[in-house]
Amino acid sequence: MASRVNLGTLRRELRISRSAVESNLDSLGLKFDEIKSLASAAVDPDGLLGLYGSELLLLEKVLGITAGVPAVRLVGELVLVKQVPAETGISYGYLSKTRATTNLGLVGIGFSDGLPRSSTNRFTVTIEGKTYPGVGRMAMDQCVIDLGTDSPALGSEVHFFTADYSLSDFSAASGFSPLEIFGRITSRVARTWSA
């Protein structure tokens, strides 16, 4: 069993790619300066509350939610890796059990950060370019992923929305619209611009 990382400094970050946003703006014939209020709203946890319907529709396009280049990436942190035997119940209520000996990873992000509980057993994450399924119940501050035989380093970034498994894909797994999920991400998660 790997040791645990310091839980007081967990990485919880919603990254918005400036280059992806600019690519989406180019396809719409717009420039970044023309959407400054939308850009500000995107990085404010309560920013969507002040937008009107047409602004929300434009924001979906700018962020690549409905079309274009996906610009939103939710990042958590791998805090524990543990090998468990077959038939091990996972998380609260044991809604999932391991089929064989496997490594489970604990990720320090959950429904109190805005991830819907309805994504239980239905989401996918990426660590260092490799995809892993979410298993067990989405808990308040954490979720569990099945790493198989892999054992990524503690502190590794765990990506929930990526080019391969976008916010729209996560939305389909959870039953919420992509914009609802984007708006649910709480102030516990830092919102930042990336390259």
C-alpha atoms as a PDB file:
ATOM      1  CA  MET A   1       0.000   0.000   0.000  1.00  0.00           C
ATOM      2  CA  ALA A   2       1.339   3.419  -0.944  1.00  0.00           C
ATOM      3  CA  SER A   3       1.412   6.138   1.665  1.00  0.00           C
ATOM      4  CA  ARG A   4      -1.016   9.015   1.661  1.00  0.00           C
ATOM      5  CA  VAL A   5      -0.338  12.571   0.474  1.00  0.00           C
ATOM      6  CA  ASN A   6      -1.049  15.627   2.635  1.00  0.00           C
ATOM      7  CA  LEU A   7      -4.813  16.190   2.362  1.00  0.00           C
ATOM      8  CA  GLY A   8      -4.530  19.855   3.367  1.00  0.00           C
ATOM      9  CA  THR A   9      -3.042  20.865   0.026  1.00  0.00           C
ATOM     10  CA  LEU A  10      -5.041  18.836  -2.488  1.00  0.00           C
ATOM     11  CA  ARG A  11      -5.091  19.907  -6.105  1.00  0.00           C
ATOM     12  CA  ARG A  12      -8.625  20.746  -7.230  1.00  0.00           C
ATOM     13  CA  GLU A  13      -8.586  22.846 -10.345  1.00  0.00           C
ATOM     14  CA  LEU A  14     -10.869  23.740 -13.227  1.00  0.00           C
ATOM     15  CA  ARG A  15      -8.572  24.763 -16.062  1.00  0.00           C
ATOM     16  CA  ILE A  16      -9.806  26.680 -19.062  1.00  0.00           C
ATOM     17  CA  SER A  17      -7.509  26.545 -22.064  1.00  0.00           C
ATOM     18  CA  ARG A  18      -6.930  29.986 -23.560  1.00  0.00           C
ATOM     19  CA  SER A  19      -5.710  28.489 -26.864  1.00  0.00           C
ATOM     20  CA  ALA A  20      -8.820  26.268 -27.175  1.00  0.00           C
ATOM     21  CA  VAL A  21     -11.066  29.246 -26.388  1.00  0.00           C
ATOM     22  CA  GLU A  22      -9.295  31.344 -29.021  1.00  0.00           C
ATOM     23  CA  SER A  23      -9.639  28.535 -31.583  1.00  0.00           C
ATOM     24  CA  ASN A  24     -13.376  28.358 -30.860  1.00  0.00           C
ATOM     25  CA  LEU A  25     -13.639  32.152 -31.081  1.00  0.00           C
ATOM     26  CA  ASP A  26     -11.879  32.118 -34.484  1.00  0.00           C
ATOM     27  CA  SER A  27     -14.478  29.682 -35.810  1.00  0.00           C
ATOM     28  CA  LEU A  28     -17.206  32.051 -34.573  1.00  0.00           C
ATOM     29  CA  GLY A  29     -15.508  35.121 -36.055  1.00  0.00           C
ATOM     30  CA  LEU A  30     -14.925  36.639 -32.601  1.00  0.00           C
ATOM     31  CA  LYS A  31     -11.913  37.894 -30.659  1.00  0.00           C
ATOM     32  CA  PHE A  32     -11.125  37.327 -26.981  1.00  0.00           C
ATOM     33  CA  ASP A  33     -11.561  41.034 -26.191  1.00  0.00           C
ATOM     34  CA  GLU A  34     -15.178  40.800 -27.382  1.00  0.00           C
ATOM     35  CA  ILE A  35     -16.091  38.180 -24.772  1.00  0.00           C
ATOM     36  CA  LYS A  36     -14.305  39.544 -21.685  1.00  0.00           C
ATOM     37  CA  SER A  37     -17.474  39.443 -19.568  1.00  0.00           C
ATOM     38  CA  LEU A  38     -18.039  35.791 -20.507  1.00  0.00           C
ATOM     39  CA  ALA A  39     -14.379  34.996 -19.812  1.00  0.00           C
ATOM     40  CA  SER A  40     -14.691  36.583 -16.372  1.00  0.00           C
ATOM     41  CA  ALA A  41     -17.899  34.650 -15.685  1.00  0.00           C
ATOM     42  CA  ALA A  42     -16.209  31.373 -16.665  1.00  0.00           C
ATOM     43  CA  VAL A  43     -13.551  31.707 -13.961  1.00  0.00           C
ATOM     44  CA  ASP A  44     -15.946  32.933 -11.247  1.00  0.00           C
ATOM     45  CA  PRO A  45     -17.666  30.057  -9.356  1.00  0.00           C
ATOM     46  CA  ASP A  46     -20.900  32.113  -9.313  1.00  0.00           C
ATOM     47  CA  GLY A  47     -20.298  33.735 -12.695  1.00  0.00           C
ATOM     48  CA  LEU A  48     -22.986  31.864 -14.616  1.00  0.00           C
ATOM     49  CA  LEU A  49     -25.694  33.256 -12.338  1.00  0.00           C
ATOM     50  CA  GLY A  50     -25.442  36.701 -13.934  1.00  0.00           C
ATOM     51  CA  LEU A  51     -25.616  35.521 -17.553  1.00  0.00           C
ATOM     52  CA  TYR A  52     -28.663  35.537 -19.826  1.00  0.00           C
ATOM     53  CA  GLY A  53     -29.731  32.634 -22.060  1.00  0.00           C
ATOM     54  CA  SER A  54     -28.009  33.908 -25.218  1.00  0.00           C
ATOM     55  CA  GLU A  55     -24.802  34.534 -23.245  1.00  0.00           C
ATOM     56  CA  LEU A  56     -24.910  30.995 -21.844  1.00  0.00           C
ATOM     57  CA  LEU A  57     -25.361  29.584 -25.350  1.00  0.00           C
ATOM     58  CA  LEU A  58     -22.360  31.579 -26.562  1.00  0.00           C
ATOM     59  CA  LEU A  59     -20.320  30.470 -23.545  1.00  0.00           C
ATOM     60  CA  GLU A  60     -21.037  26.819 -24.428  1.00  0.00           C
ATOM     61  CA  LYS A  61     -19.593  27.445 -27.907  1.00  0.00           C
ATOM     62  CA  VAL A  62     -16.624  29.429 -26.607  1.00  0.00           C
ATOM     63  CA  LEU A  63     -15.739  26.658 -24.132  1.00  0.00           C
ATOM     64  CA  GLY A  64     -16.170  23.967 -26.792  1.00  0.00           C
ATOM     65  CA  ILE A  65     -18.979  22.320 -24.870  1.00  0.00           C
ATOM     66  CA  THR A  66     -21.466  21.992 -27.726  1.00  0.00           C
ATOM     67  CA  ALA A  67     -18.983  22.098 -30.625  1.00  0.00           C
ATOM     68  CA  GLY A  68     -15.401  23.020 -31.313  1.00  0.00           C
ATOM     69  CA  VAL A  69     -12.295  22.339 -29.250  1.00  0.00           C
ATOM     70  CA  PRO A  70     -13.027  21.299 -25.635  1.00  0.00           C
ATOM     71  CA  ALA A  71     -11.505  24.019 -23.443  1.00  0.00           C
ATOM     72  CA  VAL A  72     -12.483  22.813 -19.956  1.00  0.00           C
ATOM     73  CA  ARG A  73     -10.401  20.416 -17.871  1.00  0.00           C
ATOM     74  CA  LEU A  74     -11.221  19.411 -14.296  1.00  0.00           C
ATOM     75  CA  VAL A  75      -8.158  18.195 -12.399  1.00  0.00           C
ATOM     76  CA  GLY A  76      -8.023  16.318  -9.118  1.00  0.00           C
ATOM     77  CA  GLU A  77      -5.178  14.592  -7.308  1.00  0.00           C
ATOM     78  CA  LEU A  78      -4.368  10.940  -6.714  1.00  0.00           C
ATOM     79  CA  VAL A  79      -4.002  10.605  -2.929  1.00  0.00           C
ATOM     80  CA  LEU A  80      -3.827   6.855  -2.343  1.00  0.00           C
ATOM     81  CA  VAL A  81      -3.142   3.667  -4.316  1.00  0.00           C
ATOM     82  CA  LYS A  82      -3.993   0.326  -2.763  1.00  0.00           C
ATOM     83  CA  GLN A  83      -3.989  -3.209  -4.117  1.00  0.00           C
ATOM     84  CA  VAL A  84      -7.145  -5.147  -3.211  1.00  0.00           C
ATOM     85  CA  PRO A  85      -8.302  -8.724  -3.866  1.00  0.00           C
ATOM     86  CA  ALA A  86     -11.192  -9.866  -6.038  1.00  0.00           C
ATOM     87  CA  GLU A  87     -14.700  -9.276  -4.672  1.00  0.00           C
ATOM     88  CA  THR A  88     -13.675  -6.198  -2.667  1.00  0.00           C
ATOM     89  CA  GLY A  89     -16.623  -3.829  -2.177  1.00  0.00           C
ATOM     90  CA  ILE A  90     -15.853  -0.268  -3.196  1.00  0.00           C
ATOM     91  CA  SER A  91     -16.929   2.944  -1.460  1.00  0.00           C
ATOM     92  CA  TYR A  92     -20.168   3.532   0.431  1.00  0.00           C
ATOM     93  CA  GLY A  93     -22.844   0.914  -0.136  1.00  0.00           C
ATOM     94  CA  TYR A  94     -20.484  -1.300  -2.152  1.00  0.00           C
ATOM     95  CA  LEU A  95     -22.206  -0.433  -5.431  1.00  0.00           C
ATOM     96  CA  SER A  96     -19.224  -1.937  -7.208  1.00  0.00           C
ATOM     97  CA  LYS A  97     -16.944  -4.887  -6.466  1.00  0.00           C
ATOM     98  CA  THR A  98     -13.598  -5.784  -7.941  1.00  0.00           C
ATOM     99  CA  ARG A  99     -13.598  -8.718 -10.368  1.00  0.00           C
ATOM    100  CA  ALA A 100      -9.955  -9.607  -9.817  1.00  0.00           C
ATOM    101  CA  THR A 101      -6.974  -8.401  -7.810  1.00  0.00           C
ATOM    102  CA  THR A 102      -6.505  -4.765  -8.819  1.00  0.00           C
ATOM    103  CA  ASN A 103      -5.068  -1.449  -7.754  1.00  0.00           C
ATOM    104  CA  LEU A 104      -7.628   1.123  -6.672  1.00  0.00           C
ATOM    105  CA  GLY A 105      -6.842   4.822  -6.655  1.00  0.00           C
ATOM    106  CA  LEU A 106      -8.422   7.349  -4.325  1.00  0.00           C
ATOM    107  CA  VAL A 107      -8.907  10.796  -5.877  1.00  0.00           C
ATOM    108  CA  GLY A 108      -9.409  13.804  -3.613  1.00  0.00           C
ATOM    109  CA  ILE A 109     -12.452  15.304  -5.334  1.00  0.00           C
ATOM    110  CA  GLY A 110     -16.141  14.483  -5.007  1.00  0.00           C
ATOM    111  CA  PHE A 111     -19.702  15.753  -4.945  1.00  0.00           C
ATOM    112  CA  SER A 112     -18.909  18.607  -2.538  1.00  0.00           C
ATOM    113  CA  ASP A 113     -16.708  19.920  -5.364  1.00  0.00           C
ATOM    114  CA  GLY A 114     -19.617  19.732  -7.814  1.00  0.00           C
ATOM    115  CA  LEU A 115     -19.321  16.282  -9.378  1.00  0.00           C
ATOM    116  CA  PRO A 116     -22.808  14.742  -9.534  1.00  0.00           C
ATOM    117  CA  ARG A 117     -23.465  11.662  -7.416  1.00  0.00           C
ATOM    118  CA  SER A 118     -25.332  10.297 -10.434  1.00  0.00           C
ATOM    119  CA  SER A 119     -21.925   9.732 -12.083  1.00  0.00           C
ATOM    120  CA  THR A 120     -21.357   6.855  -9.635  1.00  0.00           C
ATOM    121  CA  ASN A 121     -19.807   3.898 -11.523  1.00  0.00           C
ATOM    122  CA  ARG A 122     -20.221   5.794 -14.812  1.00  0.00           C
ATOM    123  CA  PHE A 123     -17.314   8.200 -15.293  1.00  0.00           C
ATOM    124  CA  THR A 124     -13.825   7.952 -16.752  1.00  0.00           C
ATOM    125  CA  VAL A 125     -10.613   9.793 -15.853  1.00  0.00           C
ATOM    126  CA  THR A 126      -7.170  10.142 -17.399  1.00  0.00           C
ATOM    127  CA  ILE A 127      -3.798  10.008 -15.653  1.00  0.00           C
ATOM    128  CA  GLU A 128      -0.706  10.718 -17.744  1.00  0.00           C
ATOM    129  CA  GLY A 129      -2.633   9.983 -20.945  1.00  0.00           C
ATOM    130  CA  LYS A 130      -4.069   6.645 -19.772  1.00  0.00           C
ATOM    131  CA  THR A 131      -7.787   6.183 -19.143  1.00  0.00           C
ATOM    132  CA  TYR A 132      -9.298   4.546 -16.056  1.00  0.00           C
ATOM    133  CA  PRO A 133     -12.917   3.878 -15.026  1.00  0.00           C
ATOM    134  CA  GLY A 134     -14.499   5.394 -11.944  1.00  0.00           C
ATOM    135  CA  VAL A 135     -15.825   2.710  -9.605  1.00  0.00           C
ATOM    136  CA  GLY A 136     -18.045   2.845  -6.556  1.00  0.00           C
ATOM    137  CA  ARG A 137     -20.130   5.697  -5.231  1.00  0.00           C
ATOM    138  CA  MET A 138     -19.124   9.324  -5.857  1.00  0.00           C
ATOM    139  CA  ALA A 139     -18.495  10.428  -2.271  1.00  0.00           C
ATOM    140  CA  MET A 140     -18.431  13.891  -0.723  1.00  0.00           C
ATOM    141  CA  ASP A 141     -14.691  14.568  -0.937  1.00  0.00           C
ATOM    142  CA  GLN A 142     -13.420  11.657  -2.973  1.00  0.00           C
ATOM    143  CA  CYS A 143     -13.982   9.069  -5.627  1.00  0.00           C
ATOM    144  CA  VAL A 144     -12.300   5.790  -6.541  1.00  0.00           C
ATOM    145  CA  ILE A 145     -10.806   4.682  -9.846  1.00  0.00           C
ATOM    146  CA  ASP A 146      -9.729   1.220 -11.000  1.00  0.00           C
ATOM    147  CA  LEU A 147      -6.060   1.347 -12.000  1.00  0.00           C
ATOM    148  CA  GLY A 148      -5.744  -2.326 -12.930  1.00  0.00           C
ATOM    149  CA  THR A 149      -2.057  -3.244 -12.632  1.00  0.00           C
ATOM    150  CA  ASP A 150      -0.904   0.382 -12.871  1.00  0.00           C
ATOM    151  CA  SER A 151       0.355   2.312  -9.867  1.00  0.00           C
ATOM    152  CA  PRO A 152       0.733   6.011 -10.771  1.00  0.00           C
ATOM    153  CA  ALA A 153       2.686   8.233  -8.405  1.00  0.00           C
ATOM    154  CA  LEU A 154       0.815   9.777  -5.517  1.00  0.00           C
ATOM    155  CA  GLY A 155       0.072  13.397  -6.303  1.00  0.00           C
ATOM    156  CA  SER A 156      -0.466  12.626  -9.999  1.00  0.00           C
ATOM    157  CA  GLU A 157      -2.983  14.827 -11.764  1.00  0.00           C
ATOM    158  CA  VAL A 158      -6.296  13.087 -12.421  1.00  0.00           C
ATOM    159  CA  HIS A 159      -8.145  14.652 -15.360  1.00  0.00           C
ATOM    160  CA  PHE A 160     -11.935  14.386 -15.407  1.00  0.00           C
ATOM    161  CA  PHE A 161     -12.637  16.377 -18.574  1.00  0.00           C
ATOM    162  CA  THR A 162     -10.143  15.915 -21.400  1.00  0.00           C
ATOM    163  CA  ALA A 163     -10.049  15.942 -25.188  1.00  0.00           C
ATOM    164  CA  ASP A 164     -10.748  12.178 -25.089  1.00  0.00           C
ATOM    165  CA  TYR A 165     -13.431  12.266 -22.382  1.00  0.00           C
ATOM    166  CA  SER A 166     -14.936  15.732 -22.518  1.00  0.00           C
ATOM    167  CA  LEU A 167     -17.318  17.613 -20.283  1.00  0.00           C
ATOM    168  CA  SER A 168     -20.046  16.516 -22.716  1.00  0.00           C
ATOM    169  CA  ASP A 169     -19.099  12.851 -22.223  1.00  0.00           C
ATOM    170  CA  PHE A 170     -19.132  13.290 -18.436  1.00  0.00           C
ATOM    171  CA  SER A 171     -22.510  14.971 -18.786  1.00  0.00           C
ATOM    172  CA  ALA A 172     -23.944  11.998 -20.702  1.00  0.00           C
ATOM    173  CA  ALA A 173     -22.729   9.673 -17.933  1.00  0.00           C
ATOM    174  CA  SER A 174     -24.236  11.785 -15.146  1.00  0.00           C
ATOM    175  CA  GLY A 175     -27.575  12.882 -16.638  1.00  0.00           C
ATOM    176  CA  PHE A 176     -26.824  16.608 -16.271  1.00  0.00           C
ATOM    177  CA  SER A 177     -26.206  18.995 -19.150  1.00  0.00           C
ATOM    178  CA  PRO A 178     -22.569  20.024 -19.695  1.00  0.00           C
ATOM    179  CA  LEU A 179     -23.305  23.605 -18.682  1.00  0.00           C
ATOM    180  CA  GLU A 180     -25.056  22.404 -15.505  1.00  0.00           C
ATOM    181  CA  ILE A 181     -21.964  20.423 -14.544  1.00  0.00           C
ATOM    182  CA  PHE A 182     -19.697  23.379 -15.351  1.00  0.00           C
ATOM    183  CA  GLY A 183     -21.903  25.608 -13.181  1.00  0.00           C
ATOM    184  CA  ARG A 184     -21.983  23.066 -10.330  1.00  0.00           C
ATOM    185  CA  ILE A 185     -18.208  23.131  -9.818  1.00  0.00           C
ATOM    186  CA  THR A 186     -17.873  24.816  -6.427  1.00  0.00           C
ATOM    187  CA  SER A 187     -15.552  27.493  -5.059  1.00  0.00           C
ATOM    188  CA  ARG A 188     -13.474  24.733  -3.415  1.00  0.00           C
ATOM    189  CA  VAL A 189     -12.080  24.179  -6.914  1.00  0.00           C
ATOM    190  CA  ALA A 190      -9.680  26.847  -8.199  1.00  0.00           C
ATOM    191  CA  ARG A 191     -10.626  28.161 -11.656  1.00  0.00           C
ATOM    192  CA  THR A 192      -7.643  29.110 -13.774  1.00  0.00           C
ATOM    193  CA  TRP A 193      -6.607  29.880 -17.342  1.00  0.00           C
ATOM    194  CA  SER A 194      -4.053  27.566 -18.938  1.00  0.00           C
ATOM    195  CA  ALA A 195      -2.155  27.756 -22.237  1.00  0.00           C
END
